[in-house]
C-alpha atoms as a PDB file:
ATOM      1  CA  MET A   1     103.077 107.860  98.072  1.00  0.00           C
ATOM      2  CA  PHE A   2     100.811 104.692  96.980  1.00  0.00           C
ATOM      3  CA  LYS A   3     104.058 103.703  95.057  1.00  0.00           C
ATOM      4  CA  VAL A   4     106.385 104.111  97.903  1.00  0.00           C
ATOM      5  CA  VAL A   5     104.013 101.983 100.132  1.00  0.00           C
ATOM      6  CA  GLY A   6     103.861  99.270  97.187  1.00  0.00           C
ATOM      7  CA  PHE A   7     107.684  99.077  96.930  1.00  0.00           C
ATOM      8  CA  ILE A   8     107.657  98.334 100.785  1.00  0.00           C
ATOM      9  CA  LEU A   9     104.789  95.893 101.137  1.00  0.00           C
ATOM     10  CA  CYS A  10     106.753  93.977  98.016  1.00  0.00           C
ATOM     11  CA  VAL A  11     109.877  93.852 100.517  1.00  0.00           C
ATOM     12  CA  GLN A  12     108.082  92.866 103.323  1.00  0.00           C
ATOM     13  CA  GLY A  13     105.726  89.895 101.479  1.00  0.00           C
ATOM     14  CA  GLY A  14     108.426  88.791  99.063  1.00  0.00           C
ATOM     15  CA  GLY A  15     111.706  88.885 101.435  1.00  0.00           C
ATOM     16  CA  GLY A  16     109.465  87.426 103.984  1.00  0.00           C
ATOM     17  CA  LEU A  17     108.291  84.479 101.618  1.00  0.00           C
ATOM     18  CA  ILE A  18     111.866  83.708 100.638  1.00  0.00           C
ATOM     19  CA  ASN A  19     113.003  83.432 104.046  1.00  0.00           C
ATOM     20  CA  ASN A  20     110.527  81.208 105.276  1.00  0.00           C
ATOM     21  CA  LEU A  21     111.026  79.221 102.477  1.00  0.00           C
ATOM     22  CA  PHE A  22     114.124  78.845 102.209  1.00  0.00           C
ATOM     23  CA  ALA A  23     116.221  80.100 105.034  1.00  0.00           C
ATOM     24  CA  GLY A  24     113.651  79.653 107.619  1.00  0.00           C
ATOM     25  CA  SER A  25     115.529  81.966 110.660  1.00  0.00           C
ATOM     26  CA  GLU A  26     113.995  85.487 112.113  1.00  0.00           C
ATOM     27  CA  SER A  27     115.321  88.442 110.382  1.00  0.00           C
ATOM     28  CA  TRP A  28     113.615  92.013 109.802  1.00  0.00           C
ATOM     29  CA  PHE A  29     110.574  90.568 108.101  1.00  0.00           C
ATOM     30  CA  LEU A  30     107.783  91.891 109.835  1.00  0.00           C
ATOM     31  CA  LEU A  31     105.666  88.527 109.908  1.00  0.00           C
ATOM     32  CA  ASN A  32     108.226  86.881 111.443  1.00  0.00           C
ATOM     33  CA  HIS A  33     108.319  88.657 115.003  1.00  0.00           C
ATOM     34  CA  LEU A  34     104.734  88.459 115.316  1.00  0.00           C
ATOM     35  CA  GLY A  35     104.938  84.791 116.755  1.00  0.00           C
ATOM     36  CA  LEU A  36     102.341  83.370 114.025  1.00  0.00           C
ATOM     37  CA  SER A  37     102.707  79.750 112.923  1.00  0.00           C
ATOM     38  CA  THR A  38     104.666  79.400 109.763  1.00  0.00           C
ATOM     39  CA  PRO A  39     101.606  78.744 107.324  1.00  0.00           C
ATOM     40  CA  LEU A  40     100.004  81.909 108.461  1.00  0.00           C
ATOM     41  CA  THR A  41     103.270  83.685 108.285  1.00  0.00           C
ATOM     42  CA  ILE A  42     103.667  82.617 104.618  1.00  0.00           C
ATOM     43  CA  ILE A  43     100.105  83.360 103.509  1.00  0.00           C
ATOM     44  CA  GLY A  44     100.624  86.890 105.143  1.00  0.00           C
ATOM     45  CA  ASN A  45     104.041  86.888 103.435  1.00  0.00           C
ATOM     46  CA  VAL A  46     101.862  86.651  99.933  1.00  0.00           C
ATOM     47  CA  LEU A  47      99.011  88.753 100.703  1.00  0.00           C
ATOM     48  CA  LEU A  48     101.534  91.564 101.564  1.00  0.00           C
ATOM     49  CA  LEU A  49     103.317  90.948  98.430  1.00  0.00           C
ATOM     50  CA  ILE A  50      99.653  91.046  96.411  1.00  0.00           C
ATOM     51  CA  ALA A  51      98.912  94.142  97.968  1.00  0.00           C
ATOM     52  CA  GLY A  52     102.297  95.727  97.157  1.00  0.00           C
ATOM     53  CA  VAL A  53     102.063  94.787  93.582  1.00  0.00           C
ATOM     54  CA  ALA A  54      98.264  95.897  93.332  1.00  0.00           C
ATOM     55  CA  LEU A  55      99.616  99.429  94.611  1.00  0.00           C
ATOM     56  CA  LEU A  56     102.843  99.547  92.569  1.00  0.00           C
ATOM     57  CA  VAL A  57     100.779  98.964  89.134  1.00  0.00           C
ATOM     58  CA  TRP A  58      97.593 101.003  90.165  1.00  0.00           C
ATOM     59  CA  ARG A  59      97.311 104.286  88.571  1.00  0.00           C
ATOM     60  CA  GLU A  60      95.816 107.381  89.953  1.00  0.00           C
ATOM     61  CA  PRO A  61      93.049 109.220  88.352  1.00  0.00           C
ATOM     62  CA  ARG A  62      94.760 112.412  86.533  1.00  0.00           C
ATOM     63  CA  HIS A  63      93.329 115.732  87.389  1.00  0.00           C
ATOM     64  CA  ASP A  64      93.573 117.933  84.484  1.00  0.00           C
ATOM     65  CA  LYS A  65      93.812 121.611  85.217  1.00  0.00           C
ATOM     66  CA  GLY A  66      92.184 122.638  82.398  1.00  0.00           C
ATOM     67  CA  GLU A  67      89.128 120.989  82.869  1.00  0.00           C
ATOM     68  CA  GLY A  68      85.880 122.158  84.974  1.00  0.00           C
END
């Protein structure tokens, strides 16, 4: 489940960042529709991207059924 959320956050953050830096148009990226200023939108996209990458690389602890 964390991997799916991480992937979605990476797509939203990375795509929104690329869109704001190069295209500048409103698209389906979430932060573009909140009415934030451009610097806040870029910072928000970077934070979404970092959170997504963190969720993708985070490893859940394994629960061995033989222990305990």
